[in-house]
PDB file of N, CA and C in Angstrom:
ATOM      1  N   MET A   1     158.348-252.973-104.546  1.00  0.00           N
ATOM      2  CA  MET A   1     158.096-251.944-103.623  1.00  0.00           C
ATOM      3  C   MET A   1     159.361-251.153-103.145  1.00  0.00           C
ATOM      4  N   SER A   2     159.178-249.915-103.024  1.00  0.00           N
ATOM      5  CA  SER A   2     160.337-249.142-102.626  1.00  0.00           C
ATOM      6  C   SER A   2     161.039-249.478-101.343  1.00  0.00           C
ATOM      7  N   THR A   3     162.313-249.382-101.230  1.00  0.00           N
ATOM      8  CA  THR A   3     163.167-249.718-100.020  1.00  0.00           C
ATOM      9  C   THR A   3     162.758-248.568 -98.934  1.00  0.00           C
ATOM     10  N   GLN A   4     162.395-249.217 -97.758  1.00  0.00           N
ATOM     11  CA  GLN A   4     162.226-248.326 -96.564  1.00  0.00           C
ATOM     12  C   GLN A   4     163.594-248.029 -95.987  1.00  0.00           C
ATOM     13  N   VAL A   5     163.914-246.826 -95.616  1.00  0.00           N
ATOM     14  CA  VAL A   5     165.111-246.507 -95.073  1.00  0.00           C
ATOM     15  C   VAL A   5     164.868-245.721 -93.716  1.00  0.00           C
ATOM     16  N   THR A   6     165.989-245.758 -93.030  1.00  0.00           N
ATOM     17  CA  THR A   6     165.917-245.184 -91.556  1.00  0.00           C
ATOM     18  C   THR A   6     167.124-244.219 -91.425  1.00  0.00           C
ATOM     19  N   ASP A   7     167.038-243.376 -90.163  1.00  0.00           N
ATOM     20  CA  ASP A   7     168.172-242.479 -89.882  1.00  0.00           C
ATOM     21  C   ASP A   7     169.517-243.204 -90.061  1.00  0.00           C
ATOM     22  N   THR A   8     169.453-244.569 -89.851  1.00  0.00           N
ATOM     23  CA  THR A   8     170.743-245.252 -89.845  1.00  0.00           C
ATOM     24  C   THR A   8     171.228-245.988 -91.130  1.00  0.00           C
ATOM     25  N   THR A   9     170.197-246.073 -91.988  1.00  0.00           N
ATOM     26  CA  THR A   9     170.434-246.883 -93.169  1.00  0.00           C
ATOM     27  C   THR A   9     170.471-245.966 -94.532  1.00  0.00           C
ATOM     28  N   TRP A  10     169.789-244.786 -94.477  1.00  0.00           N
ATOM     29  CA  TRP A  10     169.693-244.155 -95.742  1.00  0.00           C
ATOM     30  C   TRP A  10     170.858-243.787 -96.519  1.00  0.00           C
ATOM     31  N   GLN A  11     171.984-243.502 -95.731  1.00  0.00           N
ATOM     32  CA  GLN A  11     173.314-243.130 -96.447  1.00  0.00           C
ATOM     33  C   GLN A  11     173.842-244.314 -97.270  1.00  0.00           C
ATOM     34  N   SER A  12     173.820-245.477 -96.847  1.00  0.00           N
ATOM     35  CA  SER A  12     174.304-246.514 -97.608  1.00  0.00           C
ATOM     36  C   SER A  12     173.430-246.852 -98.889  1.00  0.00           C
ATOM     37  N   GLU A  13     172.128-246.497 -98.738  1.00  0.00           N
ATOM     38  CA  GLU A  13     171.231-246.688-100.003  1.00  0.00           C
ATOM     39  C   GLU A  13     171.317-245.643-101.032  1.00  0.00           C
ATOM     40  N   VAL A  14     171.937-244.394-100.749  1.00  0.00           N
ATOM     41  CA  VAL A  14     171.955-243.408-101.743  1.00  0.00           C
ATOM     42  C   VAL A  14     173.363-243.304-102.380  1.00  0.00           C
ATOM     43  N   GLN A  15     174.334-244.160-102.032  1.00  0.00           N
ATOM     44  CA  GLN A  15     175.806-243.875-102.381  1.00  0.00           C
ATOM     45  C   GLN A  15     176.049-244.032-103.877  1.00  0.00           C
ATOM     46  N   ASP A  16     175.328-244.918-104.628  1.00  0.00           N
ATOM     47  CA  ASP A  16     175.632-245.208-106.048  1.00  0.00           C
ATOM     48  C   ASP A  16     174.553-244.683-106.925  1.00  0.00           C
ATOM     49  N   GLY A  17     174.827-243.938-107.924  1.00  0.00           N
ATOM     50  CA  GLY A  17     174.021-243.498-109.038  1.00  0.00           C
ATOM     51  C   GLY A  17     173.050-242.662-108.499  1.00  0.00           C
ATOM     52  N   LEU A  18     171.803-242.620-109.195  1.00  0.00           N
ATOM     53  CA  LEU A  18     170.666-241.592-109.047  1.00  0.00           C
ATOM     54  C   LEU A  18     169.743-242.318-108.018  1.00  0.00           C
ATOM     55  N   THR A  19     169.391-241.612-106.897  1.00  0.00           N
ATOM     56  CA  THR A  19     168.423-242.127-105.900  1.00  0.00           C
ATOM     57  C   THR A  19     167.529-241.038-105.558  1.00  0.00           C
ATOM     58  N   LEU A  20     166.216-241.419-105.581  1.00  0.00           N
ATOM     59  CA  LEU A  20     165.284-240.396-105.128  1.00  0.00           C
ATOM     60  C   LEU A  20     164.786-240.800-103.754  1.00  0.00           C
ATOM     61  N   MET A  21     165.039-240.088-102.759  1.00  0.00           N
ATOM     62  CA  MET A  21     164.403-240.413-101.431  1.00  0.00           C
ATOM     63  C   MET A  21     163.182-239.517-101.274  1.00  0.00           C
ATOM     64  N   ASP A  22     162.104-240.372-100.793  1.00  0.00           N
ATOM     65  CA  ASP A  22     160.780-239.827-100.552  1.00  0.00           C
ATOM     66  C   ASP A  22     160.609-239.583 -99.073  1.00  0.00           C
ATOM     67  N   PHE A  23     160.383-238.428 -98.508  1.00  0.00           N
ATOM     68  CA  PHE A  23     160.142-238.195 -97.141  1.00  0.00           C
ATOM     69  C   PHE A  23     158.687-238.161 -96.952  1.00  0.00           C
ATOM     70  N   TRP A  24     158.047-239.039 -96.227  1.00  0.00           N
ATOM     71  CA  TRP A  24     156.646-239.194 -96.137  1.00  0.00           C
ATOM     72  C   TRP A  24     156.165-239.635 -94.790  1.00  0.00           C
ATOM     73  N   ALA A  25     154.856-239.661 -94.504  1.00  0.00           N
ATOM     74  CA  ALA A  25     154.292-240.211 -93.188  1.00  0.00           C
ATOM     75  C   ALA A  25     152.996-240.799 -93.626  1.00  0.00           C
ATOM     76  N   PRO A  26     152.474-241.791 -92.803  1.00  0.00           N
ATOM     77  CA  PRO A  26     151.284-242.600 -93.085  1.00  0.00           C
ATOM     78  C   PRO A  26     150.071-241.775 -92.985  1.00  0.00           C
ATOM     79  N   TRP A  27     150.155-240.622 -92.209  1.00  0.00           N
ATOM     80  CA  TRP A  27     148.932-239.822 -92.103  1.00  0.00           C
ATOM     81  C   TRP A  27     148.729-238.776 -93.221  1.00  0.00           C
ATOM     82  N   CYS A  28     149.652-238.657 -94.080  1.00  0.00           N
ATOM     83  CA  CYS A  28     149.802-237.706 -95.160  1.00  0.00           C
ATOM     84  C   CYS A  28     149.132-238.029 -96.408  1.00  0.00           C
ATOM     85  N   GLY A  29     147.920-237.478 -96.738  1.00  0.00           N
ATOM     86  CA  GLY A  29     147.151-237.850 -97.864  1.00  0.00           C
ATOM     87  C   GLY A  29     147.821-237.721 -99.231  1.00  0.00           C
ATOM     88  N   PRO A  30     148.546-236.521 -99.547  1.00  0.00           N
ATOM     89  CA  PRO A  30     149.348-236.530-100.754  1.00  0.00           C
ATOM     90  C   PRO A  30     150.454-237.506-100.854  1.00  0.00           C
ATOM     91  N   CYS A  31     150.954-237.849 -99.630  1.00  0.00           N
ATOM     92  CA  CYS A  31     152.001-238.878 -99.561  1.00  0.00           C
ATOM     93  C   CYS A  31     151.445-240.256-100.009  1.00  0.00           C
ATOM     94  N   ARG A  32     150.179-240.574 -99.543  1.00  0.00           N
ATOM     95  CA  ARG A  32     149.594-241.817 -99.952  1.00  0.00           C
ATOM     96  C   ARG A  32     149.325-241.896-101.479  1.00  0.00           C
ATOM     97  N   MET A  33     149.096-240.677-102.063  1.00  0.00           N
ATOM     98  CA  MET A  33     148.665-240.584-103.506  1.00  0.00           C
ATOM     99  C   MET A  33     150.127-240.711-104.330  1.00  0.00           C
ATOM    100  N   LEU A  34     151.143-240.258-103.832  1.00  0.00           N
ATOM    101  CA  LEU A  34     152.458-240.269-104.408  1.00  0.00           C
ATOM    102  C   LEU A  34     153.109-241.720-104.308  1.00  0.00           C
ATOM    103  N   GLY A  35     152.900-242.414-103.234  1.00  0.00           N
ATOM    104  CA  GLY A  35     153.462-243.666-103.103  1.00  0.00           C
ATOM    105  C   GLY A  35     153.308-244.600-104.363  1.00  0.00           C
ATOM    106  N   PRO A  36     152.073-244.950-104.795  1.00  0.00           N
ATOM    107  CA  PRO A  36     151.896-245.806-105.991  1.00  0.00           C
ATOM    108  C   PRO A  36     152.512-245.216-107.270  1.00  0.00           C
ATOM    109  N   VAL A  37     152.671-243.909-107.332  1.00  0.00           N
ATOM    110  CA  VAL A  37     153.149-243.393-108.591  1.00  0.00           C
ATOM    111  C   VAL A  37     154.812-243.544-108.531  1.00  0.00           C
ATOM    112  N   LEU A  38     155.354-243.438-107.323  1.00  0.00           N
ATOM    113  CA  LEU A  38     156.701-243.839-107.204  1.00  0.00           C
ATOM    114  C   LEU A  38     157.076-245.206-107.475  1.00  0.00           C
ATOM    115  N   GLU A  39     156.189-246.109-107.014  1.00  0.00           N
ATOM    116  CA  GLU A  39     156.363-247.579-107.236  1.00  0.00           C
ATOM    117  C   GLU A  39     156.389-247.934-108.784  1.00  0.00           C
ATOM    118  N   GLU A  40     155.384-247.365-109.495  1.00  0.00           N
ATOM    119  CA  GLU A  40     155.327-247.462-110.918  1.00  0.00           C
ATOM    120  C   GLU A  40     156.650-246.959-111.546  1.00  0.00           C
ATOM    121  N   ILE A  41     157.063-245.778-111.215  1.00  0.00           N
ATOM    122  CA  ILE A  41     158.419-245.274-111.851  1.00  0.00           C
ATOM    123  C   ILE A  41     159.448-246.307-111.519  1.00  0.00           C
ATOM    124  N   GLU A  42     159.551-246.688-110.238  1.00  0.00           N
ATOM    125  CA  GLU A  42     160.664-247.608-109.789  1.00  0.00           C
ATOM    126  C   GLU A  42     160.688-248.867-110.645  1.00  0.00           C
ATOM    127  N   GLU A  43     159.493-249.413-110.959  1.00  0.00           N
ATOM    128  CA  GLU A  43     159.501-250.619-111.782  1.00  0.00           C
ATOM    129  C   GLU A  43     159.964-250.274-113.286  1.00  0.00           C
ATOM    130  N   GLU A  44     159.562-249.139-113.805  1.00  0.00           N
ATOM    131  CA  GLU A  44     159.923-248.697-115.118  1.00  0.00           C
ATOM    132  C   GLU A  44     161.357-248.409-115.337  1.00  0.00           C
ATOM    133  N   MET A  45     161.827-247.674-114.280  1.00  0.00           N
ATOM    134  CA  MET A  45     163.214-247.063-114.356  1.00  0.00           C
ATOM    135  C   MET A  45     164.166-247.817-113.449  1.00  0.00           C
ATOM    136  N   ASP A  46     163.831-249.079-113.045  1.00  0.00           N
ATOM    137  CA  ASP A  46     164.639-249.697-112.084  1.00  0.00           C
ATOM    138  C   ASP A  46     166.122-249.746-112.336  1.00  0.00           C
ATOM    139  N   ASP A  47     166.482-249.857-113.662  1.00  0.00           N
ATOM    140  CA  ASP A  47     168.056-249.912-113.960  1.00  0.00           C
ATOM    141  C   ASP A  47     168.675-248.598-113.939  1.00  0.00           C
ATOM    142  N   LYS A  48     167.862-247.535-113.919  1.00  0.00           N
ATOM    143  CA  LYS A  48     168.443-246.146-113.848  1.00  0.00           C
ATOM    144  C   LYS A  48     168.287-245.370-112.685  1.00  0.00           C
ATOM    145  N   VAL A  49     167.264-245.586-111.934  1.00  0.00           N
ATOM    146  CA  VAL A  49     166.929-244.778-110.715  1.00  0.00           C
ATOM    147  C   VAL A  49     166.492-245.713-109.587  1.00  0.00           C
ATOM    148  N   LYS A  50     167.039-245.416-108.442  1.00  0.00           N
ATOM    149  CA  LYS A  50     166.576-246.065-107.212  1.00  0.00           C
ATOM    150  C   LYS A  50     165.717-245.173-106.354  1.00  0.00           C
ATOM    151  N   ILE A  51     164.421-245.763-105.903  1.00  0.00           N
ATOM    152  CA  ILE A  51     163.638-244.898-105.090  1.00  0.00           C
ATOM    153  C   ILE A  51     163.575-245.576-103.634  1.00  0.00           C
ATOM    154  N   VAL A  52     163.904-244.748-102.677  1.00  0.00           N
ATOM    155  CA  VAL A  52     163.636-245.211-101.228  1.00  0.00           C
ATOM    156  C   VAL A  52     162.778-244.249-100.518  1.00  0.00           C
ATOM    157  N   LYS A  53     162.234-244.783 -99.387  1.00  0.00           N
ATOM    158  CA  LYS A  53     161.173-243.974 -98.743  1.00  0.00           C
ATOM    159  C   LYS A  53     161.611-243.860 -97.242  1.00  0.00           C
ATOM    160  N   LEU A  54     161.605-242.629 -96.610  1.00  0.00           N
ATOM    161  CA  LEU A  54     161.785-242.485 -95.297  1.00  0.00           C
ATOM    162  C   LEU A  54     160.605-241.801 -94.558  1.00  0.00           C
ATOM    163  N   ASN A  55     160.176-242.601 -93.510  1.00  0.00           N
ATOM    164  CA  ASN A  55     158.996-242.184 -92.649  1.00  0.00           C
ATOM    165  C   ASN A  55     159.592-241.125 -91.763  1.00  0.00           C
ATOM    166  N   ILE A  56     159.017-239.920 -91.907  1.00  0.00           N
ATOM    167  CA  ILE A  56     159.600-238.691 -91.031  1.00  0.00           C
ATOM    168  C   ILE A  56     159.224-238.866 -89.596  1.00  0.00           C
ATOM    169  N   ASP A  57     158.093-239.616 -89.399  1.00  0.00           N
ATOM    170  CA  ASP A  57     157.679-239.718 -87.973  1.00  0.00           C
ATOM    171  C   ASP A  57     158.673-240.527 -87.154  1.00  0.00           C
ATOM    172  N   GLU A  58     159.115-241.568 -87.862  1.00  0.00           N
ATOM    173  CA  GLU A  58     160.102-242.495 -87.162  1.00  0.00           C
ATOM    174  C   GLU A  58     161.596-242.097 -87.308  1.00  0.00           C
ATOM    175  N   ASN A  59     161.813-241.168 -88.301  1.00  0.00           N
ATOM    176  CA  ASN A  59     163.231-240.778 -88.563  1.00  0.00           C
ATOM    177  C   ASN A  59     163.404-239.303 -88.634  1.00  0.00           C
ATOM    178  N   GLN A  60     163.161-238.682 -87.539  1.00  0.00           N
ATOM    179  CA  GLN A  60     163.136-237.199 -87.501  1.00  0.00           C
ATOM    180  C   GLN A  60     164.447-236.572 -87.612  1.00  0.00           C
ATOM    181  N   MET A  61     165.471-237.300 -87.310  1.00  0.00           N
ATOM    182  CA  MET A  61     166.937-236.812 -87.408  1.00  0.00           C
ATOM    183  C   MET A  61     167.197-236.485 -88.806  1.00  0.00           C
ATOM    184  N   THR A  62     166.908-237.419 -89.682  1.00  0.00           N
ATOM    185  CA  THR A  62     167.234-237.303 -91.160  1.00  0.00           C
ATOM    186  C   THR A  62     166.344-236.111 -91.889  1.00  0.00           C
ATOM    187  N   ALA A  63     165.049-236.116 -91.430  1.00  0.00           N
ATOM    188  CA  ALA A  63     164.158-235.136 -91.900  1.00  0.00           C
ATOM    189  C   ALA A  63     164.649-233.783 -91.535  1.00  0.00           C
ATOM    190  N   SER A  64     165.083-233.631 -90.284  1.00  0.00           N
ATOM    191  CA  SER A  64     165.552-232.339 -89.734  1.00  0.00           C
ATOM    192  C   SER A  64     166.865-231.958 -90.518  1.00  0.00           C
ATOM    193  N   GLN A  65     167.838-232.989 -90.765  1.00  0.00           N
ATOM    194  CA  GLN A  65     168.939-232.743 -91.457  1.00  0.00           C
ATOM    195  C   GLN A  65     168.808-232.193 -92.848  1.00  0.00           C
ATOM    196  N   PHE A  66     167.785-232.481 -93.510  1.00  0.00           N
ATOM    197  CA  PHE A  66     167.516-232.021 -94.930  1.00  0.00           C
ATOM    198  C   PHE A  66     166.455-230.884 -94.859  1.00  0.00           C
ATOM    199  N   GLY A  67     166.103-230.404 -93.740  1.00  0.00           N
ATOM    200  CA  GLY A  67     165.119-229.179 -93.619  1.00  0.00           C
ATOM    201  C   GLY A  67     163.817-229.554 -94.244  1.00  0.00           C
ATOM    202  N   ILE A  68     163.238-230.758 -93.960  1.00  0.00           N
ATOM    203  CA  ILE A  68     161.976-231.035 -94.496  1.00  0.00           C
ATOM    204  C   ILE A  68     160.845-230.405 -93.658  1.00  0.00           C
ATOM    205  N   MET A  69     160.190-229.460 -94.305  1.00  0.00           N
ATOM    206  CA  MET A  69     159.100-228.746 -93.526  1.00  0.00           C
ATOM    207  C   MET A  69     157.764-229.098 -93.997  1.00  0.00           C
ATOM    208  N   SER A  70     157.567-229.633 -95.109  1.00  0.00           N
ATOM    209  CA  SER A  70     156.281-230.248 -95.569  1.00  0.00           C
ATOM    210  C   SER A  70     156.497-231.549 -96.308  1.00  0.00           C
ATOM    211  N   ILE A  71     155.580-232.398 -96.318  1.00  0.00           N
ATOM    212  CA  ILE A  71     155.626-233.559 -97.078  1.00  0.00           C
ATOM    213  C   ILE A  71     154.295-233.782 -97.914  1.00  0.00           C
ATOM    214  N   PRO A  72     154.583-234.371 -99.010  1.00  0.00           N
ATOM    215  CA  PRO A  72     155.693-235.176 -99.450  1.00  0.00           C
ATOM    216  C   PRO A  72     156.847-234.290 -99.985  1.00  0.00           C
ATOM    217  N   THR A  73     158.056-234.605 -99.645  1.00  0.00           N
ATOM    218  CA  THR A  73     159.197-233.937-100.132  1.00  0.00           C
ATOM    219  C   THR A  73     160.147-235.070-100.697  1.00  0.00           C
ATOM    220  N   MET A  74     160.675-234.939-101.857  1.00  0.00           N
ATOM    221  CA  MET A  74     161.646-235.786-102.455  1.00  0.00           C
ATOM    222  C   MET A  74     162.981-235.142-102.565  1.00  0.00           C
ATOM    223  N   VAL A  75     164.101-235.766-102.243  1.00  0.00           N
ATOM    224  CA  VAL A  75     165.517-235.328-102.407  1.00  0.00           C
ATOM    225  C   VAL A  75     166.190-236.253-103.435  1.00  0.00           C
ATOM    226  N   LEU A  76     166.551-235.681-104.468  1.00  0.00           N
ATOM    227  CA  LEU A  76     167.358-236.464-105.507  1.00  0.00           C
ATOM    228  C   LEU A  76     168.941-236.532-105.112  1.00  0.00           C
ATOM    229  N   PHE A  77     169.404-237.672-105.062  1.00  0.00           N
ATOM    230  CA  PHE A  77     170.805-237.881-104.755  1.00  0.00           C
ATOM    231  C   PHE A  77     171.547-238.455-105.986  1.00  0.00           C
ATOM    232  N   LYS A  78     172.756-237.927-106.200  1.00  0.00           N
ATOM    233  CA  LYS A  78     173.665-238.470-107.139  1.00  0.00           C
ATOM    234  C   LYS A  78     174.915-238.942-106.510  1.00  0.00           C
ATOM    235  N   ASP A  79     175.149-240.192-106.559  1.00  0.00           N
ATOM    236  CA  ASP A  79     176.375-240.691-105.963  1.00  0.00           C
ATOM    237  C   ASP A  79     176.628-240.262-104.583  1.00  0.00           C
ATOM    238  N   GLY A  80     175.437-240.246-103.732  1.00  0.00           N
ATOM    239  CA  GLY A  80     175.605-239.878-102.281  1.00  0.00           C
ATOM    240  C   GLY A  80     175.413-238.526-101.985  1.00  0.00           C
ATOM    241  N   GLN A  81     175.387-237.630-102.998  1.00  0.00           N
ATOM    242  CA  GLN A  81     175.291-236.161-102.770  1.00  0.00           C
ATOM    243  C   GLN A  81     173.884-235.552-103.082  1.00  0.00           C
ATOM    244  N   PRO A  82     173.198-234.873-102.152  1.00  0.00           N
ATOM    245  CA  PRO A  82     171.957-234.367-102.427  1.00  0.00           C
ATOM    246  C   PRO A  82     172.131-233.249-103.533  1.00  0.00           C
ATOM    247  N   VAL A  83     171.165-233.412-104.503  1.00  0.00           N
ATOM    248  CA  VAL A  83     171.240-232.589-105.845  1.00  0.00           C
ATOM    249  C   VAL A  83     170.182-231.582-105.821  1.00  0.00           C
ATOM    250  N   GLU A  84     169.023-232.043-105.623  1.00  0.00           N
ATOM    251  CA  GLU A  84     167.719-231.174-105.649  1.00  0.00           C
ATOM    252  C   GLU A  84     166.636-231.757-104.746  1.00  0.00           C
ATOM    253  N   LYS A  85     165.756-230.735-104.359  1.00  0.00           N
ATOM    254  CA  LYS A  85     164.570-231.018-103.524  1.00  0.00           C
ATOM    255  C   LYS A  85     163.332-230.650-104.313  1.00  0.00           C
ATOM    256  N   LEU A  86     162.359-231.724-104.239  1.00  0.00           N
ATOM    257  CA  LEU A  86     161.023-231.473-104.956  1.00  0.00           C
ATOM    258  C   LEU A  86     160.065-231.657-103.830  1.00  0.00           C
ATOM    259  N   THR A  87     159.070-230.676-103.763  1.00  0.00           N
ATOM    260  CA  THR A  87     158.104-230.603-102.638  1.00  0.00           C
ATOM    261  C   THR A  87     156.761-230.786-103.283  1.00  0.00           C
ATOM    262  N   GLY A  88     155.798-231.652-102.551  1.00  0.00           N
ATOM    263  CA  GLY A  88     154.496-231.834-103.080  1.00  0.00           C
ATOM    264  C   GLY A  88     154.260-232.984-103.978  1.00  0.00           C
ATOM    265  N   TYR A  89     153.024-233.127-104.290  1.00  0.00           N
ATOM    266  CA  TYR A  89     152.632-234.244-105.167  1.00  0.00           C
ATOM    267  C   TYR A  89     152.848-233.837-106.628  1.00  0.00           C
ATOM    268  N   HIS A  90     153.460-234.730-107.316  1.00  0.00           N
ATOM    269  CA  HIS A  90     153.715-234.469-108.884  1.00  0.00           C
ATOM    270  C   HIS A  90     153.157-235.615-109.656  1.00  0.00           C
ATOM    271  N   PRO A  91     152.498-235.457-110.716  1.00  0.00           N
ATOM    272  CA  PRO A  91     152.056-236.644-111.537  1.00  0.00           C
ATOM    273  C   PRO A  91     153.193-237.411-112.052  1.00  0.00           C
ATOM    274  N   LYS A  92     152.914-238.670-112.438  1.00  0.00           N
ATOM    275  CA  LYS A  92     153.910-239.506-112.979  1.00  0.00           C
ATOM    276  C   LYS A  92     154.657-238.952-114.152  1.00  0.00           C
ATOM    277  N   ASP A  93     154.019-238.515-115.110  1.00  0.00           N
ATOM    278  CA  ASP A  93     154.721-238.015-116.306  1.00  0.00           C
ATOM    279  C   ASP A  93     155.687-236.978-116.025  1.00  0.00           C
ATOM    280  N   VAL A  94     155.346-236.096-114.916  1.00  0.00           N
ATOM    281  CA  VAL A  94     156.251-234.920-114.635  1.00  0.00           C
ATOM    282  C   VAL A  94     157.507-235.455-113.974  1.00  0.00           C
ATOM    283  N   LEU A  95     157.242-236.472-113.016  1.00  0.00           N
ATOM    284  CA  LEU A  95     158.464-237.125-112.464  1.00  0.00           C
ATOM    285  C   LEU A  95     159.308-237.804-113.273  1.00  0.00           C
ATOM    286  N   VAL A  96     158.765-238.504-114.301  1.00  0.00           N
ATOM    287  CA  VAL A  96     159.537-239.377-115.146  1.00  0.00           C
ATOM    288  C   VAL A  96     160.396-238.415-115.986  1.00  0.00           C
ATOM    289  N   ASP A  97     159.809-237.377-116.513  1.00  0.00           N
ATOM    290  CA  ASP A  97     160.509-236.424-117.313  1.00  0.00           C
ATOM    291  C   ASP A  97     161.576-235.767-116.544  1.00  0.00           C
ATOM    292  N   TYR A  98     161.404-235.412-115.201  1.00  0.00           N
ATOM    293  CA  TYR A  98     162.320-234.772-114.444  1.00  0.00           C
ATOM    294  C   TYR A  98     163.667-235.744-114.182  1.00  0.00           C
ATOM    295  N   LEU A  99     163.294-237.033-113.898  1.00  0.00           N
ATOM    296  CA  LEU A  99     164.308-238.018-113.683  1.00  0.00           C
ATOM    297  C   LEU A  99     165.113-238.309-114.958  1.00  0.00           C
ATOM    298  N   GLU A 100     164.404-238.387-116.145  1.00  0.00           N
ATOM    299  CA  GLU A 100     165.088-238.583-117.426  1.00  0.00           C
ATOM    300  C   GLU A 100     166.087-237.511-117.634  1.00  0.00           C
ATOM    301  N   SER A 101     165.620-236.157-117.268  1.00  0.00           N
ATOM    302  CA  SER A 101     166.574-235.056-117.544  1.00  0.00           C
ATOM    303  C   SER A 101     167.781-235.151-116.708  1.00  0.00           C
ATOM    304  N   LYS A 102     167.651-235.680-115.410  1.00  0.00           N
ATOM    305  CA  LYS A 102     168.826-235.860-114.604  1.00  0.00           C
ATOM    306  C   LYS A 102     169.790-236.946-114.966  1.00  0.00           C
ATOM    307  N   LEU A 103     169.223-237.909-115.805  1.00  0.00           N
ATOM    308  CA  LEU A 103     170.196-239.057-116.267  1.00  0.00           C
ATOM    309  C   LEU A 103     171.025-238.544-117.395  1.00  0.00           C
ATOM    310  N   ALA A 104     170.586-237.633-118.132  1.00  0.00           N
ATOM    311  CA  ALA A 104     171.450-237.154-119.310  1.00  0.00           C
ATOM    312  C   ALA A 104     172.770-236.630-118.859  1.00  0.00           C
TER     313      ALA A 104
END
């Protein structure tokens, strides 16, 4: 299961390598659809990509810091630096291809 992060813990979780942070909320239907997809990807790409989840209802400071206007939104970090933002639901094969391209 993906690591849950908060306003105070997320920075330490994205410091090394490639990390995909999922901004979500329990009431968000597309977020609930995306959750299992991200968990499958995390299992398959565990040695290459870390996936963390941030509940925007409980961690509004971080959501605001990254300008999250709609969810689900994912921010890709490389060695602690935000690289790119993806908004909306994406199927597993699209996300895997995207992440593989960022590993190259």
